All heavy atoms as atom14 arrays in JSON, in Angstrom:
{
  "sequence": "NNCIAYIDFGMVGIIDNKMLNFLNNIVIAIGKRNIDRVI",
  "atom14_mask": [
    [1, 1, 1, 1, 1, 1, 1, 1, 0, 0, 0, 0, 0, 0],
    [1, 1, 1, 1, 1, 1, 1, 1, 0, 0, 0, 0, 0, 0],
    [1, 1, 1, 1, 1, 1, 0, 0, 0, 0, 0, 0, 0, 0],
    [1, 1, 1, 1, 1, 1, 1, 1, 0, 0, 0, 0, 0, 0],
    [1, 1, 1, 1, 1, 0, 0, 0, 0, 0, 0, 0, 0, 0],
    [1, 1, 1, 1, 1, 1, 1, 1, 1, 1, 1, 1, 0, 0],
    [1, 1, 1, 1, 1, 1, 1, 1, 0, 0, 0, 0, 0, 0],
    [1, 1, 1, 1, 1, 1, 1, 1, 0, 0, 0, 0, 0, 0],
    [1, 1, 1, 1, 1, 1, 1, 1, 1, 1, 1, 0, 0, 0],
    [1, 1, 1, 1, 0, 0, 0, 0, 0, 0, 0, 0, 0, 0],
    [1, 1, 1, 1, 1, 1, 1, 1, 0, 0, 0, 0, 0, 0],
    [1, 1, 1, 1, 1, 1, 1, 0, 0, 0, 0, 0, 0, 0],
    [1, 1, 1, 1, 0, 0, 0, 0, 0, 0, 0, 0, 0, 0],
    [1, 1, 1, 1, 1, 1, 1, 1, 0, 0, 0, 0, 0, 0],
    [1, 1, 1, 1, 1, 1, 1, 1, 0, 0, 0, 0, 0, 0],
    [1, 1, 1, 1, 1, 1, 1, 1, 0, 0, 0, 0, 0, 0],
    [1, 1, 1, 1, 1, 1, 1, 1, 0, 0, 0, 0, 0, 0],
    [1, 1, 1, 1, 1, 1, 1, 1, 1, 0, 0, 0, 0, 0],
    [1, 1, 1, 1, 1, 1, 1, 1, 0, 0, 0, 0, 0, 0],
    [1, 1, 1, 1, 1, 1, 1, 1, 0, 0, 0, 0, 0, 0],
    [1, 1, 1, 1, 1, 1, 1, 1, 0, 0, 0, 0, 0, 0],
    [1, 1, 1, 1, 1, 1, 1, 1, 1, 1, 1, 0, 0, 0],
    [1, 1, 1, 1, 1, 1, 1, 1, 0, 0, 0, 0, 0, 0],
    [1, 1, 1, 1, 1, 1, 1, 1, 0, 0, 0, 0, 0, 0],
    [1, 1, 1, 1, 1, 1, 1, 1, 0, 0, 0, 0, 0, 0],
    [1, 1, 1, 1, 1, 1, 1, 1, 0, 0, 0, 0, 0, 0],
    [1, 1, 1, 1, 1, 1, 1, 0, 0, 0, 0, 0, 0, 0],
    [1, 1, 1, 1, 1, 1, 1, 1, 0, 0, 0, 0, 0, 0],
    [1, 1, 1, 1, 1, 0, 0, 0, 0, 0, 0, 0, 0, 0],
    [1, 1, 1, 1, 1, 1, 1, 1, 0, 0, 0, 0, 0, 0],
    [1, 1, 1, 1, 0, 0, 0, 0, 0, 0, 0, 0, 0, 0],
    [1, 1, 1, 1, 1, 1, 1, 1, 1, 0, 0, 0, 0, 0],
    [1, 1, 1, 1, 1, 1, 1, 1, 1, 1, 1, 0, 0, 0],
    [1, 1, 1, 1, 1, 1, 1, 1, 0, 0, 0, 0, 0, 0],
    [1, 1, 1, 1, 1, 1, 1, 1, 0, 0, 0, 0, 0, 0],
    [1, 1, 1, 1, 1, 1, 1, 1, 0, 0, 0, 0, 0, 0],
    [1, 1, 1, 1, 1, 1, 1, 1, 1, 1, 1, 0, 0, 0],
    [1, 1, 1, 1, 1, 1, 1, 0, 0, 0, 0, 0, 0, 0],
    [1, 1, 1, 1, 1, 1, 1, 1, 0, 0, 0, 0, 0, 0]
  ],
  "atom14_positions": [
    [[-43.92, 48.36, -39.49], [-44.74, 49.11, -40.44], [-46.23, 49.12, -39.95], [-46.91, 50.14, -40.28], [-44.76, 48.5, -41.82], [-45.4, 49.34, -42.82], [-45.17, 50.59, -42.84], [-46.24, 48.73, -43.71], [0.0, 0.0, 0.0], [0.0, 0.0, 0.0], [0.0, 0.0, 0.0], [0.0, 0.0, 0.0], [0.0, 0.0, 0.0], [0.0, 0.0, 0.0]],
    [[-46.63, 48.24, -39.08], [-48.03, 48.14, -38.71], [-48.16, 48.14, -37.15], [-49.18, 47.7, -36.6], [-48.63, 46.87, -39.2], [-48.74, 46.84, -40.78], [-49.29, 47.82, -41.32], [-48.16, 45.88, -41.36], [0.0, 0.0, 0.0], [0.0, 0.0, 0.0], [0.0, 0.0, 0.0], [0.0, 0.0, 0.0], [0.0, 0.0, 0.0], [0.0, 0.0, 0.0]],
    [[-47.17, 48.62, -36.46], [-47.2, 48.63, -34.96], [-46.47, 49.76, -34.37], [-45.36, 50.06, -34.76], [-46.65, 47.24, -34.45], [-46.86, 47.07, -32.69], [0.0, 0.0, 0.0], [0.0, 0.0, 0.0], [0.0, 0.0, 0.0], [0.0, 0.0, 0.0], [0.0, 0.0, 0.0], [0.0, 0.0, 0.0], [0.0, 0.0, 0.0], [0.0, 0.0, 0.0]],
    [[-47.06, 50.43, -33.34], [-46.42, 51.45, -32.57], [-46.44, 51.01, -31.06], [-47.26, 50.12, -30.73], [-47.08, 52.85, -32.73], [-48.54, 52.83, -32.18], [-47.05, 53.31, -34.15], [-49.28, 54.12, -32.16], [0.0, 0.0, 0.0], [0.0, 0.0, 0.0], [0.0, 0.0, 0.0], [0.0, 0.0, 0.0], [0.0, 0.0, 0.0], [0.0, 0.0, 0.0]],
    [[-45.6, 51.64, -30.24], [-45.49, 51.32, -28.88], [-45.46, 52.69, -28.06], [-44.73, 53.59, -28.43], [-44.28, 50.48, -28.51], [0.0, 0.0, 0.0], [0.0, 0.0, 0.0], [0.0, 0.0, 0.0], [0.0, 0.0, 0.0], [0.0, 0.0, 0.0], [0.0, 0.0, 0.0], [0.0, 0.0, 0.0], [0.0, 0.0, 0.0], [0.0, 0.0, 0.0]],
    [[-46.25, 52.73, -26.99], [-46.27, 53.87, -26.09], [-45.3, 53.61, -24.89], [-45.15, 52.53, -24.38], [-47.63, 54.09, -25.53], [-48.67, 54.68, -26.52], [-49.52, 53.89, -27.21], [-48.68, 56.08, -26.7], [-50.48, 54.4, -28.09], [-49.7, 56.6, -27.63], [-50.51, 55.76, -28.26], [-51.46, 56.26, -29.15], [0.0, 0.0, 0.0], [0.0, 0.0, 0.0]],
    [[-44.62, 54.7, -24.41], [-43.83, 54.69, -23.2], [-44.19, 55.84, -22.37], [-44.98, 56.73, -22.82], [-42.36, 54.62, -23.49], [-41.89, 55.93, -24.21], [-41.96, 53.4, -24.24], [-40.38, 56.14, -24.18], [0.0, 0.0, 0.0], [0.0, 0.0, 0.0], [0.0, 0.0, 0.0], [0.0, 0.0, 0.0], [0.0, 0.0, 0.0], [0.0, 0.0, 0.0]],
    [[-43.73, 55.91, -21.14], [-43.89, 57.04, -20.23], [-45.41, 57.26, -19.92], [-46.06, 58.04, -20.59], [-43.33, 58.29, -20.8], [-43.18, 59.41, -19.68], [-43.74, 59.23, -18.65], [-42.62, 60.52, -20.02], [0.0, 0.0, 0.0], [0.0, 0.0, 0.0], [0.0, 0.0, 0.0], [0.0, 0.0, 0.0], [0.0, 0.0, 0.0], [0.0, 0.0, 0.0]],
    [[-45.89, 56.63, -18.9], [-47.35, 56.67, -18.53], [-47.58, 57.47, -17.27], [-48.58, 57.2, -16.5], [-47.81, 55.18, -18.36], [-47.57, 54.27, -19.56], [-46.46, 53.47, -19.59], [-48.41, 54.39, -20.62], [-46.18, 52.7, -20.7], [-48.16, 53.6, -21.75], [-47.12, 52.73, -21.77], [0.0, 0.0, 0.0], [0.0, 0.0, 0.0], [0.0, 0.0, 0.0]],
    [[-46.7, 58.42, -16.99], [-46.89, 59.25, -15.81], [-48.01, 60.25, -15.9], [-48.63, 60.65, -14.86], [0.0, 0.0, 0.0], [0.0, 0.0, 0.0], [0.0, 0.0, 0.0], [0.0, 0.0, 0.0], [0.0, 0.0, 0.0], [0.0, 0.0, 0.0], [0.0, 0.0, 0.0], [0.0, 0.0, 0.0], [0.0, 0.0, 0.0], [0.0, 0.0, 0.0]],
    [[-48.32, 60.7, -17.13], [-49.42, 61.62, -17.34], [-50.52, 60.97, -18.15], [-50.27, 60.57, -19.31], [-48.88, 62.88, -18.03], [-49.93, 63.99, -18.18], [-49.33, 65.41, -19.0], [-48.12, 66.06, -17.93], [0.0, 0.0, 0.0], [0.0, 0.0, 0.0], [0.0, 0.0, 0.0], [0.0, 0.0, 0.0], [0.0, 0.0, 0.0], [0.0, 0.0, 0.0]],
    [[-51.66, 60.79, -17.5], [-52.85, 60.16, -18.21], [-54.02, 61.09, -18.02], [-54.09, 61.96, -17.14], [-53.14, 58.71, -17.71], [-52.05, 57.84, -18.0], [-53.45, 58.84, -16.19], [0.0, 0.0, 0.0], [0.0, 0.0, 0.0], [0.0, 0.0, 0.0], [0.0, 0.0, 0.0], [0.0, 0.0, 0.0], [0.0, 0.0, 0.0], [0.0, 0.0, 0.0]],
    [[-55.0, 60.89, -18.91], [-56.29, 61.67, -18.82], [-57.38, 60.64, -18.63], [-57.37, 59.57, -19.07], [0.0, 0.0, 0.0], [0.0, 0.0, 0.0], [0.0, 0.0, 0.0], [0.0, 0.0, 0.0], [0.0, 0.0, 0.0], [0.0, 0.0, 0.0], [0.0, 0.0, 0.0], [0.0, 0.0, 0.0], [0.0, 0.0, 0.0], [0.0, 0.0, 0.0]],
    [[-58.34, 61.12, -17.89], [-59.65, 60.3, -17.62], [-60.87, 61.13, -18.11], [-60.97, 62.27, -17.67], [-59.72, 59.92, -16.16], [-58.49, 59.07, -15.75], [-61.05, 59.19, -15.87], [-58.43, 58.77, -14.3], [0.0, 0.0, 0.0], [0.0, 0.0, 0.0], [0.0, 0.0, 0.0], [0.0, 0.0, 0.0], [0.0, 0.0, 0.0], [0.0, 0.0, 0.0]],
    [[-61.74, 60.4, -18.77], [-62.93, 61.16, -19.24], [-64.08, 60.19, -18.96], [-64.1, 59.04, -19.38], [-62.82, 61.59, -20.7], [-63.97, 62.5, -21.14], [-62.68, 60.39, -21.68], [-63.82, 63.24, -22.45], [0.0, 0.0, 0.0], [0.0, 0.0, 0.0], [0.0, 0.0, 0.0], [0.0, 0.0, 0.0], [0.0, 0.0, 0.0], [0.0, 0.0, 0.0]],
    [[-65.17, 60.71, -18.3], [-66.3, 59.79, -17.95], [-67.32, 59.84, -19.04], [-67.31, 60.59, -19.98], [-66.89, 60.25, -16.58], [-67.32, 61.67, -16.55], [-67.66, 62.23, -17.6], [-67.3, 62.26, -15.51], [0.0, 0.0, 0.0], [0.0, 0.0, 0.0], [0.0, 0.0, 0.0], [0.0, 0.0, 0.0], [0.0, 0.0, 0.0], [0.0, 0.0, 0.0]],
    [[-68.42, 59.02, -18.82], [-69.49, 58.79, -19.81], [-70.21, 60.15, -20.01], [-70.65, 60.43, -21.15], [-70.44, 57.7, -19.37], [-69.79, 56.36, -19.63], [-68.97, 56.16, -20.47], [-70.13, 55.44, -18.7], [0.0, 0.0, 0.0], [0.0, 0.0, 0.0], [0.0, 0.0, 0.0], [0.0, 0.0, 0.0], [0.0, 0.0, 0.0], [0.0, 0.0, 0.0]],
    [[-70.43, 60.91, -18.91], [-71.17, 62.13, -19.05], [-70.42, 63.06, -19.94], [-71.05, 63.74, -20.85], [-71.31, 62.78, -17.67], [-72.09, 64.06, -17.68], [-72.21, 64.73, -16.25], [-72.97, 65.99, -16.29], [-73.08, 66.62, -15.01], [0.0, 0.0, 0.0], [0.0, 0.0, 0.0], [0.0, 0.0, 0.0], [0.0, 0.0, 0.0], [0.0, 0.0, 0.0]],
    [[-69.15, 63.23, -19.83], [-68.3, 64.07, -20.65], [-68.31, 63.6, -22.14], [-68.32, 64.36, -23.08], [-66.92, 64.3, -20.14], [-66.29, 65.58, -20.66], [-67.07, 67.08, -20.37], [-67.03, 67.16, -18.58], [0.0, 0.0, 0.0], [0.0, 0.0, 0.0], [0.0, 0.0, 0.0], [0.0, 0.0, 0.0], [0.0, 0.0, 0.0], [0.0, 0.0, 0.0]],
    [[-68.28, 62.29, -22.21], [-68.19, 61.74, -23.61], [-69.52, 61.97, -24.34], [-69.6, 62.29, -25.49], [-68.08, 60.2, -23.55], [-66.59, 59.75, -23.39], [-66.55, 58.23, -23.29], [-65.74, 60.11, -24.65], [0.0, 0.0, 0.0], [0.0, 0.0, 0.0], [0.0, 0.0, 0.0], [0.0, 0.0, 0.0], [0.0, 0.0, 0.0], [0.0, 0.0, 0.0]],
    [[-70.7, 61.87, -23.59], [-71.99, 62.17, -24.14], [-72.13, 63.58, -24.53], [-72.68, 63.96, -25.55], [-73.12, 61.78, -23.1], [-73.28, 60.25, -22.97], [-72.95, 59.51, -23.89], [-73.71, 59.89, -21.88], [0.0, 0.0, 0.0], [0.0, 0.0, 0.0], [0.0, 0.0, 0.0], [0.0, 0.0, 0.0], [0.0, 0.0, 0.0], [0.0, 0.0, 0.0]],
    [[-71.5, 64.44, -23.64], [-71.49, 65.95, -24.03], [-70.77, 66.16, -25.31], [-71.18, 66.95, -26.17], [-70.83, 66.58, -22.82], [-70.41, 68.03, -23.17], [-71.35, 69.02, -23.26], [-69.08, 68.33, -23.44], [-70.92, 70.38, -23.63], [-68.67, 69.67, -23.83], [-69.63, 70.61, -23.87], [0.0, 0.0, 0.0], [0.0, 0.0, 0.0], [0.0, 0.0, 0.0]],
    [[-69.57, 65.51, -25.49], [-68.8, 65.75, -26.72], [-69.59, 65.24, -27.88], [-69.61, 65.87, -28.99], [-67.49, 65.0, -26.56], [-66.45, 65.64, -25.63], [-65.22, 64.73, -25.53], [-66.03, 66.98, -26.14], [0.0, 0.0, 0.0], [0.0, 0.0, 0.0], [0.0, 0.0, 0.0], [0.0, 0.0, 0.0], [0.0, 0.0, 0.0], [0.0, 0.0, 0.0]],
    [[-70.22, 64.03, -27.79], [-70.98, 63.51, -28.89], [-72.09, 64.52, -29.28], [-72.32, 64.77, -30.48], [-71.57, 62.15, -28.47], [-70.53, 61.0, -28.39], [-69.51, 61.14, -29.04], [-70.72, 60.11, -27.55], [0.0, 0.0, 0.0], [0.0, 0.0, 0.0], [0.0, 0.0, 0.0], [0.0, 0.0, 0.0], [0.0, 0.0, 0.0], [0.0, 0.0, 0.0]],
    [[-72.89, 64.91, -28.28], [-74.02, 65.79, -28.49], [-73.65, 67.11, -29.1], [-74.32, 67.65, -29.91], [-74.82, 65.87, -27.28], [-75.47, 64.62, -26.81], [-75.81, 63.81, -27.66], [-75.68, 64.52, -25.47], [0.0, 0.0, 0.0], [0.0, 0.0, 0.0], [0.0, 0.0, 0.0], [0.0, 0.0, 0.0], [0.0, 0.0, 0.0], [0.0, 0.0, 0.0]],
    [[-72.5, 67.66, -28.61], [-72.2, 69.01, -28.98], [-71.61, 68.92, -30.48], [-71.81, 69.91, -31.32], [-71.13, 69.69, -28.1], [-71.32, 71.18, -28.21], [-69.7, 69.24, -28.44], [-70.65, 71.97, -27.04], [0.0, 0.0, 0.0], [0.0, 0.0, 0.0], [0.0, 0.0, 0.0], [0.0, 0.0, 0.0], [0.0, 0.0, 0.0], [0.0, 0.0, 0.0]],
    [[-70.94, 67.85, -30.87], [-70.49, 67.74, -32.23], [-71.61, 67.64, -33.21], [-71.69, 68.26, -34.24], [-69.58, 66.47, -32.41], [-69.37, 66.08, -33.86], [-68.22, 66.72, -31.74], [0.0, 0.0, 0.0], [0.0, 0.0, 0.0], [0.0, 0.0, 0.0], [0.0, 0.0, 0.0], [0.0, 0.0, 0.0], [0.0, 0.0, 0.0], [0.0, 0.0, 0.0]],
    [[-72.68, 66.9, -32.74], [-73.94, 66.77, -33.59], [-74.59, 68.1, -33.7], [-75.06, 68.48, -34.79], [-74.83, 65.72, -32.95], [-74.14, 64.3, -33.14], [-76.22, 65.68, -33.7], [-74.82, 63.2, -32.39], [0.0, 0.0, 0.0], [0.0, 0.0, 0.0], [0.0, 0.0, 0.0], [0.0, 0.0, 0.0], [0.0, 0.0, 0.0], [0.0, 0.0, 0.0]],
    [[-74.76, 68.8, -32.58], [-75.39, 70.11, -32.59], [-74.73, 71.15, -33.49], [-75.28, 71.83, -34.24], [-75.51, 70.65, -31.12], [0.0, 0.0, 0.0], [0.0, 0.0, 0.0], [0.0, 0.0, 0.0], [0.0, 0.0, 0.0], [0.0, 0.0, 0.0], [0.0, 0.0, 0.0], [0.0, 0.0, 0.0], [0.0, 0.0, 0.0], [0.0, 0.0, 0.0]],
    [[-73.36, 71.13, -33.44], [-72.57, 71.98, -34.27], [-72.78, 71.56, -35.71], [-72.87, 72.52, -36.63], [-71.06, 71.96, -33.91], [-70.88, 72.64, -32.54], [-70.22, 72.64, -34.95], [-69.5, 72.53, -31.94], [0.0, 0.0, 0.0], [0.0, 0.0, 0.0], [0.0, 0.0, 0.0], [0.0, 0.0, 0.0], [0.0, 0.0, 0.0], [0.0, 0.0, 0.0]],
    [[-72.81, 70.26, -36.0], [-73.02, 69.82, -37.38], [-74.41, 70.29, -37.96], [-74.51, 70.51, -39.14], [0.0, 0.0, 0.0], [0.0, 0.0, 0.0], [0.0, 0.0, 0.0], [0.0, 0.0, 0.0], [0.0, 0.0, 0.0], [0.0, 0.0, 0.0], [0.0, 0.0, 0.0], [0.0, 0.0, 0.0], [0.0, 0.0, 0.0], [0.0, 0.0, 0.0]],
    [[-75.37, 70.42, -37.05], [-76.71, 70.9, -37.45], [-76.87, 72.35, -37.41], [-77.91, 72.87, -37.61], [-77.8, 70.22, -36.66], [-77.89, 68.71, -36.82], [-78.89, 68.12, -35.94], [-79.03, 66.62, -36.11], [-80.03, 66.02, -35.24], [0.0, 0.0, 0.0], [0.0, 0.0, 0.0], [0.0, 0.0, 0.0], [0.0, 0.0, 0.0], [0.0, 0.0, 0.0]],
    [[-75.8, 73.1, -36.98], [-75.79, 74.56, -36.75], [-76.93, 74.97, -35.74], [-77.52, 75.99, -35.81], [-76.08, 75.32, -38.08], [-74.97, 75.02, -39.13], [-75.1, 76.06, -40.26], [-74.4, 75.64, -41.46], [-74.12, 76.37, -42.47], [-74.56, 77.62, -42.42], [-73.56, 75.94, -43.49], [0.0, 0.0, 0.0], [0.0, 0.0, 0.0], [0.0, 0.0, 0.0]],
    [[-77.1, 74.13, -34.74], [-78.18, 74.38, -33.73], [-77.44, 75.1, -32.6], [-77.03, 74.51, -31.61], [-78.78, 73.04, -33.28], [-79.94, 73.28, -32.37], [-80.19, 74.35, -31.82], [-80.79, 72.22, -32.29], [0.0, 0.0, 0.0], [0.0, 0.0, 0.0], [0.0, 0.0, 0.0], [0.0, 0.0, 0.0], [0.0, 0.0, 0.0], [0.0, 0.0, 0.0]],
    [[-77.41, 76.49, -32.66], [-76.72, 77.25, -31.69], [-77.38, 77.15, -30.28], [-76.63, 77.1, -29.29], [-76.62, 78.7, -32.19], [-75.8, 79.6, -31.22], [-78.0, 79.26, -32.28], [-74.38, 79.31, -31.32], [0.0, 0.0, 0.0], [0.0, 0.0, 0.0], [0.0, 0.0, 0.0], [0.0, 0.0, 0.0], [0.0, 0.0, 0.0], [0.0, 0.0, 0.0]],
    [[-78.71, 77.07, -30.35], [-79.37, 77.05, -28.99], [-79.1, 75.74, -28.28], [-78.99, 75.69, -27.04], [-80.92, 77.18, -29.18], [-81.27, 78.59, -29.65], [-80.67, 79.55, -29.17], [-82.13, 78.66, -30.61], [0.0, 0.0, 0.0], [0.0, 0.0, 0.0], [0.0, 0.0, 0.0], [0.0, 0.0, 0.0], [0.0, 0.0, 0.0], [0.0, 0.0, 0.0]],
    [[-78.98, 74.65, -29.05], [-78.71, 73.32, -28.47], [-77.24, 73.34, -27.84], [-77.03, 72.78, -26.78], [-78.75, 72.32, -29.56], [-78.39, 70.86, -29.15], [-79.22, 70.25, -28.0], [-78.86, 68.88, -27.83], [-79.18, 68.25, -26.67], [-79.78, 68.88, -25.76], [-78.85, 66.97, -26.52], [0.0, 0.0, 0.0], [0.0, 0.0, 0.0], [0.0, 0.0, 0.0]],
    [[-76.28, 73.99, -28.61], [-74.93, 74.13, -28.08], [-74.83, 74.89, -26.79], [-74.21, 74.39, -25.8], [-74.02, 74.86, -29.13], [-72.69, 75.18, -28.61], [-73.89, 74.01, -30.41], [0.0, 0.0, 0.0], [0.0, 0.0, 0.0], [0.0, 0.0, 0.0], [0.0, 0.0, 0.0], [0.0, 0.0, 0.0], [0.0, 0.0, 0.0], [0.0, 0.0, 0.0]],
    [[-75.56, 75.98, -26.67], [-75.6, 76.75, -25.53], [-76.2, 75.96, -24.32], [-75.77, 76.0, -23.19], [-76.36, 78.13, -25.67], [-75.58, 79.0, -26.62], [-76.68, 78.84, -24.4], [-76.26, 80.29, -27.04], [0.0, 0.0, 0.0], [0.0, 0.0, 0.0], [0.0, 0.0, 0.0], [0.0, 0.0, 0.0], [0.0, 0.0, 0.0], [0.0, 0.0, 0.0]]
  ]
}
């Protein structure tokens, strides 16, 4: 009831800090409706 297990690890994704910062900043910019910041 409180545990899941993953299998099949042939396909994985990697995301670096630069892209994570981009995602964080763009979500905040969209939340503020700052279109120029998004661009």
